[in-house]
Amino acid sequence: MNIERYLRMIAGAFVMASVALGYWVHPAWFLFTGFVGLNQFQSAFTNWCPMMTFLKKAGVPAAMTVTKSCGYGAVQRGSGTTP
């Protein structure tokens, strides 16, 4: 798995856990759900979130970039952005 998949998985787990905690424990946990959503929103514009720093230090590999050339996909190691 690459860093983008880990980010999605962790964000989804945080949202599910915070909604459950907000429902069964205390409504203040819904603020954490809002924080995760706001963080995802800002990362769409900046291409950075705090969890990326932790995952990179943990040695999670970067994303594979897929480029199309003449109808065939070529996989390149890269930062996860397409040219």
PDB file of N, CA and C in Angstrom:
ATOM      1  N   MET A   1       0.844  -1.182   0.000  1.00  0.00           N
ATOM      2  CA  MET A   1       0.000   0.000   0.000  1.00  0.00           C
ATOM      3  C   MET A   1       0.884   1.237   0.000  1.00  0.00           C
ATOM      4  N   ASN A   2       0.377   2.291  -0.592  1.00  0.00           N
ATOM      5  CA  ASN A   2       1.144   3.521  -0.647  1.00  0.00           C
ATOM      6  C   ASN A   2       0.570   4.563   0.308  1.00  0.00           C
ATOM      7  N   ILE A   3       1.199   5.719   0.351  1.00  0.00           N
ATOM      8  CA  ILE A   3       0.861   6.728   1.335  1.00  0.00           C
ATOM      9  C   ILE A   3      -0.563   7.266   1.156  1.00  0.00           C
ATOM     10  N   GLU A   4      -1.034   7.405  -0.082  1.00  0.00           N
ATOM     11  CA  GLU A   4      -2.388   7.917  -0.304  1.00  0.00           C
ATOM     12  C   GLU A   4      -3.454   6.941   0.203  1.00  0.00           C
ATOM     13  N   ARG A   5      -3.218   5.670   0.010  1.00  0.00           N
ATOM     14  CA  ARG A   5      -4.182   4.673   0.504  1.00  0.00           C
ATOM     15  C   ARG A   5      -4.206   4.633   2.019  1.00  0.00           C
ATOM     16  N   TYR A   6      -3.036   4.739   2.637  1.00  0.00           N
ATOM     17  CA  TYR A   6      -2.993   4.788   4.094  1.00  0.00           C
ATOM     18  C   TYR A   6      -3.728   6.033   4.612  1.00  0.00           C
ATOM     19  N   LEU A   7      -3.534   7.179   3.938  1.00  0.00           N
ATOM     20  CA  LEU A   7      -4.210   8.401   4.354  1.00  0.00           C
ATOM     21  C   LEU A   7      -5.723   8.239   4.317  1.00  0.00           C
ATOM     22  N   ARG A   8      -6.238   7.679   3.234  1.00  0.00           N
ATOM     23  CA  ARG A   8      -7.687   7.466   3.121  1.00  0.00           C
ATOM     24  C   ARG A   8      -8.187   6.502   4.182  1.00  0.00           C
ATOM     25  N   MET A   9      -7.434   5.436   4.403  1.00  0.00           N
ATOM     26  CA  MET A   9      -7.844   4.436   5.379  1.00  0.00           C
ATOM     27  C   MET A   9      -7.862   5.024   6.797  1.00  0.00           C
ATOM     28  N   ILE A  10      -6.826   5.765   7.149  1.00  0.00           N
ATOM     29  CA  ILE A  10      -6.745   6.351   8.488  1.00  0.00           C
ATOM     30  C   ILE A  10      -7.817   7.415   8.677  1.00  0.00           C
ATOM     31  N   ALA A  11      -8.025   8.273   7.673  1.00  0.00           N
ATOM     32  CA  ALA A  11      -9.067   9.298   7.784  1.00  0.00           C
ATOM     33  C   ALA A  11     -10.447   8.664   7.927  1.00  0.00           C
ATOM     34  N   GLY A  12     -10.718   7.625   7.169  1.00  0.00           N
ATOM     35  CA  GLY A  12     -11.998   6.930   7.283  1.00  0.00           C
ATOM     36  C   GLY A  12     -12.176   6.291   8.651  1.00  0.00           C
ATOM     37  N   ALA A  13     -11.117   5.702   9.172  1.00  0.00           N
ATOM     38  CA  ALA A  13     -11.189   5.087  10.510  1.00  0.00           C
ATOM     39  C   ALA A  13     -11.416   6.147  11.581  1.00  0.00           C
ATOM     40  N   PHE A  14     -10.737   7.301  11.445  1.00  0.00           N
ATOM     41  CA  PHE A  14     -10.934   8.390  12.404  1.00  0.00           C
ATOM     42  C   PHE A  14     -12.370   8.905  12.365  1.00  0.00           C
ATOM     43  N   VAL A  15     -12.921   9.056  11.161  1.00  0.00           N
ATOM     44  CA  VAL A  15     -14.297   9.550  11.040  1.00  0.00           C
ATOM     45  C   VAL A  15     -15.275   8.552  11.651  1.00  0.00           C
ATOM     46  N   MET A  16     -15.124   7.273  11.316  1.00  0.00           N
ATOM     47  CA  MET A  16     -16.042   6.266  11.865  1.00  0.00           C
ATOM     48  C   MET A  16     -15.932   6.192  13.391  1.00  0.00           C
ATOM     49  N   ALA A  17     -14.707   6.226  13.912  1.00  0.00           N
ATOM     50  CA  ALA A  17     -14.513   6.145  15.358  1.00  0.00           C
ATOM     51  C   ALA A  17     -15.077   7.379  16.061  1.00  0.00           C
ATOM     52  N   SER A  18     -14.838   8.562  15.500  1.00  0.00           N
ATOM     53  CA  SER A  18     -15.323   9.772  16.162  1.00  0.00           C
ATOM     54  C   SER A  18     -16.841   9.896  16.090  1.00  0.00           C
ATOM     55  N   VAL A  19     -17.465   9.427  15.021  1.00  0.00           N
ATOM     56  CA  VAL A  19     -18.931   9.430  14.955  1.00  0.00           C
ATOM     57  C   VAL A  19     -19.499   8.459  15.985  1.00  0.00           C
ATOM     58  N   ALA A  20     -18.907   7.283  16.104  1.00  0.00           N
ATOM     59  CA  ALA A  20     -19.377   6.316  17.105  1.00  0.00           C
ATOM     60  C   ALA A  20     -19.196   6.870  18.512  1.00  0.00           C
ATOM     61  N   LEU A  21     -18.041   7.477  18.780  1.00  0.00           N
ATOM     62  CA  LEU A  21     -17.809   8.055  20.105  1.00  0.00           C
ATOM     63  C   LEU A  21     -18.757   9.220  20.382  1.00  0.00           C
ATOM     64  N   GLY A  22     -19.044  10.016  19.347  1.00  0.00           N
ATOM     65  CA  GLY A  22     -19.981  11.118  19.514  1.00  0.00           C
ATOM     66  C   GLY A  22     -21.390  10.640  19.779  1.00  0.00           C
ATOM     67  N   TYR A  23     -21.755   9.528  19.214  1.00  0.00           N
ATOM     68  CA  TYR A  23     -23.096   8.985  19.397  1.00  0.00           C
ATOM     69  C   TYR A  23     -23.249   8.297  20.753  1.00  0.00           C
ATOM     70  N   TRP A  24     -22.252   7.464  21.115  1.00  0.00           N
ATOM     71  CA  TRP A  24     -22.385   6.652  22.314  1.00  0.00           C
ATOM     72  C   TRP A  24     -21.713   7.224  23.559  1.00  0.00           C
ATOM     73  N   VAL A  25     -20.710   8.086  23.411  1.00  0.00           N
ATOM     74  CA  VAL A  25     -19.966   8.559  24.582  1.00  0.00           C
ATOM     75  C   VAL A  25     -20.323  10.010  24.920  1.00  0.00           C
ATOM     76  N   HIS A  26     -19.982  10.935  24.011  1.00  0.00           N
ATOM     77  CA  HIS A  26     -20.234  12.352  24.269  1.00  0.00           C
ATOM     78  C   HIS A  26     -20.266  13.091  22.928  1.00  0.00           C
ATOM     79  N   PRO A  27     -21.232  14.003  22.746  1.00  0.00           N
ATOM     80  CA  PRO A  27     -21.345  14.726  21.465  1.00  0.00           C
ATOM     81  C   PRO A  27     -20.123  15.574  21.097  1.00  0.00           C
ATOM     82  N   ALA A  28     -19.276  15.889  22.054  1.00  0.00           N
ATOM     83  CA  ALA A  28     -18.082  16.683  21.743  1.00  0.00           C
ATOM     84  C   ALA A  28     -17.150  15.955  20.772  1.00  0.00           C
ATOM     85  N   TRP A  29     -17.256  14.635  20.680  1.00  0.00           N
ATOM     86  CA  TRP A  29     -16.419  13.877  19.736  1.00  0.00           C
ATOM     87  C   TRP A  29     -16.730  14.241  18.290  1.00  0.00           C
ATOM     88  N   PHE A  30     -17.894  14.811  18.016  1.00  0.00           N
ATOM     89  CA  PHE A  30     -18.221  15.240  16.654  1.00  0.00           C
ATOM     90  C   PHE A  30     -17.297  16.366  16.190  1.00  0.00           C
ATOM     91  N   LEU A  31     -16.701  17.095  17.126  1.00  0.00           N
ATOM     92  CA  LEU A  31     -15.724  18.120  16.755  1.00  0.00           C
ATOM     93  C   LEU A  31     -14.499  17.486  16.088  1.00  0.00           C
ATOM     94  N   PHE A  32     -14.118  16.307  16.550  1.00  0.00           N
ATOM     95  CA  PHE A  32     -12.997  15.606  15.917  1.00  0.00           C
ATOM     96  C   PHE A  32     -13.351  15.205  14.489  1.00  0.00           C
ATOM     97  N   THR A  33     -14.605  14.801  14.279  1.00  0.00           N
ATOM     98  CA  THR A  33     -15.058  14.490  12.916  1.00  0.00           C
ATOM     99  C   THR A  33     -14.912  15.721  12.029  1.00  0.00           C
ATOM    100  N   GLY A  34     -15.316  16.872  12.547  1.00  0.00           N
ATOM    101  CA  GLY A  34     -15.169  18.123  11.795  1.00  0.00           C
ATOM    102  C   GLY A  34     -13.723  18.461  11.514  1.00  0.00           C
ATOM    103  N   PHE A  35     -12.841  18.204  12.479  1.00  0.00           N
ATOM    104  CA  PHE A  35     -11.414  18.459  12.281  1.00  0.00           C
ATOM    105  C   PHE A  35     -10.858  17.601  11.153  1.00  0.00           C
ATOM    106  N   VAL A  36     -11.230  16.327  11.119  1.00  0.00           N
ATOM    107  CA  VAL A  36     -10.751  15.429  10.064  1.00  0.00           C
ATOM    108  C   VAL A  36     -11.260  15.910   8.707  1.00  0.00           C
ATOM    109  N   GLY A  37     -12.534  16.292   8.636  1.00  0.00           N
ATOM    110  CA  GLY A  37     -13.088  16.796   7.377  1.00  0.00           C
ATOM    111  C   GLY A  37     -12.406  18.074   6.921  1.00  0.00           C
ATOM    112  N   LEU A  38     -12.142  18.989   7.842  1.00  0.00           N
ATOM    113  CA  LEU A  38     -11.452  20.236   7.507  1.00  0.00           C
ATOM    114  C   LEU A  38     -10.031  19.957   7.039  1.00  0.00           C
ATOM    115  N   ASN A  39      -9.373  19.007   7.668  1.00  0.00           N
ATOM    116  CA  ASN A  39      -8.018  18.637   7.265  1.00  0.00           C
ATOM    117  C   ASN A  39      -8.012  18.043   5.858  1.00  0.00           C
ATOM    118  N   GLN A  40      -8.996  17.215   5.539  1.00  0.00           N
ATOM    119  CA  GLN A  40      -9.081  16.654   4.187  1.00  0.00           C
ATOM    120  C   GLN A  40      -9.338  17.756   3.171  1.00  0.00           C
ATOM    121  N   PHE A  41     -10.167  18.718   3.541  1.00  0.00           N
ATOM    122  CA  PHE A  41     -10.469  19.840   2.638  1.00  0.00           C
ATOM    123  C   PHE A  41      -9.215  20.646   2.336  1.00  0.00           C
ATOM    124  N   GLN A  42      -8.449  21.003   3.369  1.00  0.00           N
ATOM    125  CA  GLN A  42      -7.241  21.792   3.124  1.00  0.00           C
ATOM    126  C   GLN A  42      -6.193  20.991   2.379  1.00  0.00           C
ATOM    127  N   SER A  43      -6.129  19.678   2.603  1.00  0.00           N
ATOM    128  CA  SER A  43      -5.120  18.878   1.904  1.00  0.00           C
ATOM    129  C   SER A  43      -5.433  18.746   0.415  1.00  0.00           C
ATOM    130  N   ALA A  44      -6.674  18.948   0.030  1.00  0.00           N
ATOM    131  CA  ALA A  44      -7.009  18.936  -1.398  1.00  0.00           C
ATOM    132  C   ALA A  44      -6.339  20.107  -2.125  1.00  0.00           C
ATOM    133  N   PHE A  45      -6.107  21.201  -1.413  1.00  0.00           N
ATOM    134  CA  PHE A  45      -5.483  22.375  -2.023  1.00  0.00           C
ATOM    135  C   PHE A  45      -3.970  22.420  -1.816  1.00  0.00           C
ATOM    136  N   THR A  46      -3.497  21.892  -0.698  1.00  0.00           N
ATOM    137  CA  THR A  46      -2.076  21.995  -0.379  1.00  0.00           C
ATOM    138  C   THR A  46      -1.291  20.722  -0.665  1.00  0.00           C
ATOM    139  N   ASN A  47      -1.991  19.597  -0.851  1.00  0.00           N
ATOM    140  CA  ASN A  47      -1.373  18.288  -1.060  1.00  0.00           C
ATOM    141  C   ASN A  47      -0.476  17.909   0.117  1.00  0.00           C
ATOM    142  N   TRP A  48      -0.877  18.320   1.321  1.00  0.00           N
ATOM    143  CA  TRP A  48      -0.151  17.987   2.535  1.00  0.00           C
ATOM    144  C   TRP A  48      -1.129  17.859   3.691  1.00  0.00           C
ATOM    145  N   CYS A  49      -0.879  16.915   4.550  1.00  0.00           N
ATOM    146  CA  CYS A  49      -1.610  16.817   5.811  1.00  0.00           C
ATOM    147  C   CYS A  49      -0.641  16.293   6.864  1.00  0.00           C
ATOM    148  N   PRO A  50      -0.910  16.530   8.145  1.00  0.00           N
ATOM    149  CA  PRO A  50       0.037  16.111   9.184  1.00  0.00           C
ATOM    150  C   PRO A  50       0.332  14.611   9.177  1.00  0.00           C
ATOM    151  N   MET A  51      -0.656  13.793   8.835  1.00  0.00           N
ATOM    152  CA  MET A  51      -0.443  12.341   8.848  1.00  0.00           C
ATOM    153  C   MET A  51       0.607  11.922   7.814  1.00  0.00           C
ATOM    154  N   MET A  52       0.739  12.677   6.714  1.00  0.00           N
ATOM    155  CA  MET A  52       1.754  12.347   5.712  1.00  0.00           C
ATOM    156  C   MET A  52       3.157  12.379   6.321  1.00  0.00           C
ATOM    157  N   THR A  53       3.396  13.321   7.212  1.00  0.00           N
ATOM    158  CA  THR A  53       4.705  13.424   7.860  1.00  0.00           C
ATOM    159  C   THR A  53       5.003  12.163   8.666  1.00  0.00           C
ATOM    160  N   PHE A  54       4.005  11.706   9.428  1.00  0.00           N
ATOM    161  CA  PHE A  54       4.200  10.497  10.239  1.00  0.00           C
ATOM    162  C   PHE A  54       4.394   9.267   9.352  1.00  0.00           C
ATOM    163  N   LEU A  55       3.601   9.176   8.283  1.00  0.00           N
ATOM    164  CA  LEU A  55       3.704   8.006   7.408  1.00  0.00           C
ATOM    165  C   LEU A  55       5.039   7.967   6.673  1.00  0.00           C
ATOM    166  N   LYS A  56       5.525   9.134   6.239  1.00  0.00           N
ATOM    167  CA  LYS A  56       6.830   9.177   5.560  1.00  0.00           C
ATOM    168  C   LYS A  56       7.950   8.760   6.506  1.00  0.00           C
ATOM    169  N   LYS A  57       7.873   9.221   7.760  1.00  0.00           N
ATOM    170  CA  LYS A  57       8.892   8.838   8.747  1.00  0.00           C
ATOM    171  C   LYS A  57       8.807   7.362   9.083  1.00  0.00           C
ATOM    172  N   ALA A  58       7.617   6.774   8.938  1.00  0.00           N
ATOM    173  CA  ALA A  58       7.442   5.345   9.200  1.00  0.00           C
ATOM    174  C   ALA A  58       7.894   4.493   8.019  1.00  0.00           C
ATOM    175  N   GLY A  59       8.257   5.143   6.899  1.00  0.00           N
ATOM    176  CA  GLY A  59       8.777   4.409   5.756  1.00  0.00           C
ATOM    177  C   GLY A  59       7.735   3.921   4.775  1.00  0.00           C
ATOM    178  N   VAL A  60       6.543   4.507   4.799  1.00  0.00           N
ATOM    179  CA  VAL A  60       5.504   4.119   3.844  1.00  0.00           C
ATOM    180  C   VAL A  60       5.920   4.621   2.465  1.00  0.00           C
ATOM    181  N   PRO A  61       5.847   3.769   1.442  1.00  0.00           N
ATOM    182  CA  PRO A  61       6.292   4.185   0.104  1.00  0.00           C
ATOM    183  C   PRO A  61       5.374   5.233  -0.511  1.00  0.00           C
ATOM    184  N   ALA A  62       5.959   6.042  -1.385  1.00  0.00           N
ATOM    185  CA  ALA A  62       5.198   7.061  -2.112  1.00  0.00           C
ATOM    186  C   ALA A  62       4.256   6.390  -3.102  1.00  0.00           C
ATOM    187  N   ALA A  63       3.348   7.179  -3.616  1.00  0.00           N
ATOM    188  CA  ALA A  63       2.359   6.650  -4.559  1.00  0.00           C
ATOM    189  C   ALA A  63       3.005   6.345  -5.904  1.00  0.00           C
ATOM    190  N   MET A  64       2.367   5.460  -6.618  1.00  0.00           N
ATOM    191  CA  MET A  64       2.802   5.159  -7.978  1.00  0.00           C
ATOM    192  C   MET A  64       2.018   6.072  -8.913  1.00  0.00           C
ATOM    193  N   THR A  65       2.717   6.720  -9.832  1.00  0.00           N
ATOM    194  CA  THR A  65       2.076   7.590 -10.798  1.00  0.00           C
ATOM    195  C   THR A  65       1.842   6.814 -12.080  1.00  0.00           C
ATOM    196  N   VAL A  66       0.636   6.829 -12.576  1.00  0.00           N
ATOM    197  CA  VAL A  66       0.316   6.141 -13.814  1.00  0.00           C
ATOM    198  C   VAL A  66       0.143   7.184 -14.904  1.00  0.00           C
ATOM    199  N   THR A  67       0.927   7.049 -15.961  1.00  0.00           N
ATOM    200  CA  THR A  67       0.798   7.949 -17.104  1.00  0.00           C
ATOM    201  C   THR A  67       0.369   7.135 -18.307  1.00  0.00           C
ATOM    202  N   LYS A  68      -0.397   7.756 -19.163  1.00  0.00           N
ATOM    203  CA  LYS A  68      -0.860   7.053 -20.356  1.00  0.00           C
ATOM    204  C   LYS A  68      -0.080   7.542 -21.568  1.00  0.00           C
ATOM    205  N   SER A  69       0.376   6.596 -22.340  1.00  0.00           N
ATOM    206  CA  SER A  69       1.108   6.901 -23.554  1.00  0.00           C
ATOM    207  C   SER A  69       0.625   5.951 -24.637  1.00  0.00           C
ATOM    208  N   CYS A  70      -0.007   6.466 -25.659  1.00  0.00           N
ATOM    209  CA  CYS A  70      -0.520   5.677 -26.777  1.00  0.00           C
ATOM    210  C   CYS A  70      -1.497   4.585 -26.304  1.00  0.00           C
ATOM    211  N   GLY A  71      -2.252   4.865 -25.266  1.00  0.00           N
ATOM    212  CA  GLY A  71      -3.249   3.922 -24.796  1.00  0.00           C
ATOM    213  C   GLY A  71      -2.730   2.893 -23.819  1.00  0.00           C
ATOM    214  N   TYR A  72      -1.436   2.847 -23.580  1.00  0.00           N
ATOM    215  CA  TYR A  72      -0.871   1.905 -22.628  1.00  0.00           C
ATOM    216  C   TYR A  72      -0.449   2.657 -21.374  1.00  0.00           C
ATOM    217  N   GLY A  73      -0.666   2.068 -20.229  1.00  0.00           N
ATOM    218  CA  GLY A  73      -0.295   2.709 -18.971  1.00  0.00           C
ATOM    219  C   GLY A  73       1.134   2.392 -18.606  1.00  0.00           C
ATOM    220  N   ALA A  74       1.889   3.400 -18.266  1.00  0.00           N
ATOM    221  CA  ALA A  74       3.257   3.221 -17.797  1.00  0.00           C
ATOM    222  C   ALA A  74       3.310   3.657 -16.344  1.00  0.00           C
ATOM    223  N   VAL A  75       3.827   2.826 -15.501  1.00  0.00           N
ATOM    224  CA  VAL A  75       3.880   3.136 -14.071  1.00  0.00           C
ATOM    225  C   VAL A  75       5.245   3.723 -13.769  1.00  0.00           C
ATOM    226  N   GLN A  76       5.227   4.866 -13.063  1.00  0.00           N
ATOM    227  CA  GLN A  76       6.466   5.532 -12.670  1.00  0.00           C
ATOM    228  C   GLN A  76       6.429   5.792 -11.183  1.00  0.00           C
ATOM    229  N   ARG A  77       7.563   5.704 -10.538  1.00  0.00           N
ATOM    230  CA  ARG A  77       7.668   6.058  -9.137  1.00  0.00           C
ATOM    231  C   ARG A  77       7.652   7.574  -9.073  1.00  0.00           C
ATOM    232  N   GLY A  78       6.824   8.136  -8.206  1.00  0.00           N
ATOM    233  CA  GLY A  78       6.778   9.591  -8.134  1.00  0.00           C
ATOM    234  C   GLY A  78       6.090  10.067  -6.906  1.00  0.00           C
ATOM    235  N   SER A  79       5.730  11.337  -6.928  1.00  0.00           N
ATOM    236  CA  SER A  79       5.132  11.985  -5.764  1.00  0.00           C
ATOM    237  C   SER A  79       3.627  11.787  -5.707  1.00  0.00           C
ATOM    238  N   GLY A  80       3.044  11.108  -6.689  1.00  0.00           N
ATOM    239  CA  GLY A  80       1.613  10.881  -6.679  1.00  0.00           C
ATOM    240  C   GLY A  80       0.836  11.886  -7.493  1.00  0.00           C
ATOM    241  N   THR A  81       1.529  12.844  -8.094  1.00  0.00           N
ATOM    242  CA  THR A  81       0.850  13.816  -8.917  1.00  0.00           C
ATOM    243  C   THR A  81       1.085  13.487 -10.378  1.00  0.00           C
ATOM    244  N   THR A  82       0.119  13.760 -11.196  1.00  0.00           N
ATOM    245  CA  THR A  82       0.265  13.500 -12.625  1.00  0.00           C
ATOM    246  C   THR A  82       0.746  14.766 -13.304  1.00  0.00           C
ATOM    247  N   PRO A  83       1.547  14.631 -14.350  1.00  0.00           N
ATOM    248  CA  PRO A  83       2.097  15.820 -15.040  1.00  0.00           C
ATOM    249  C   PRO A  83       1.037  16.569 -15.803  1.00  0.00           C
TER     250      PRO A  83
END
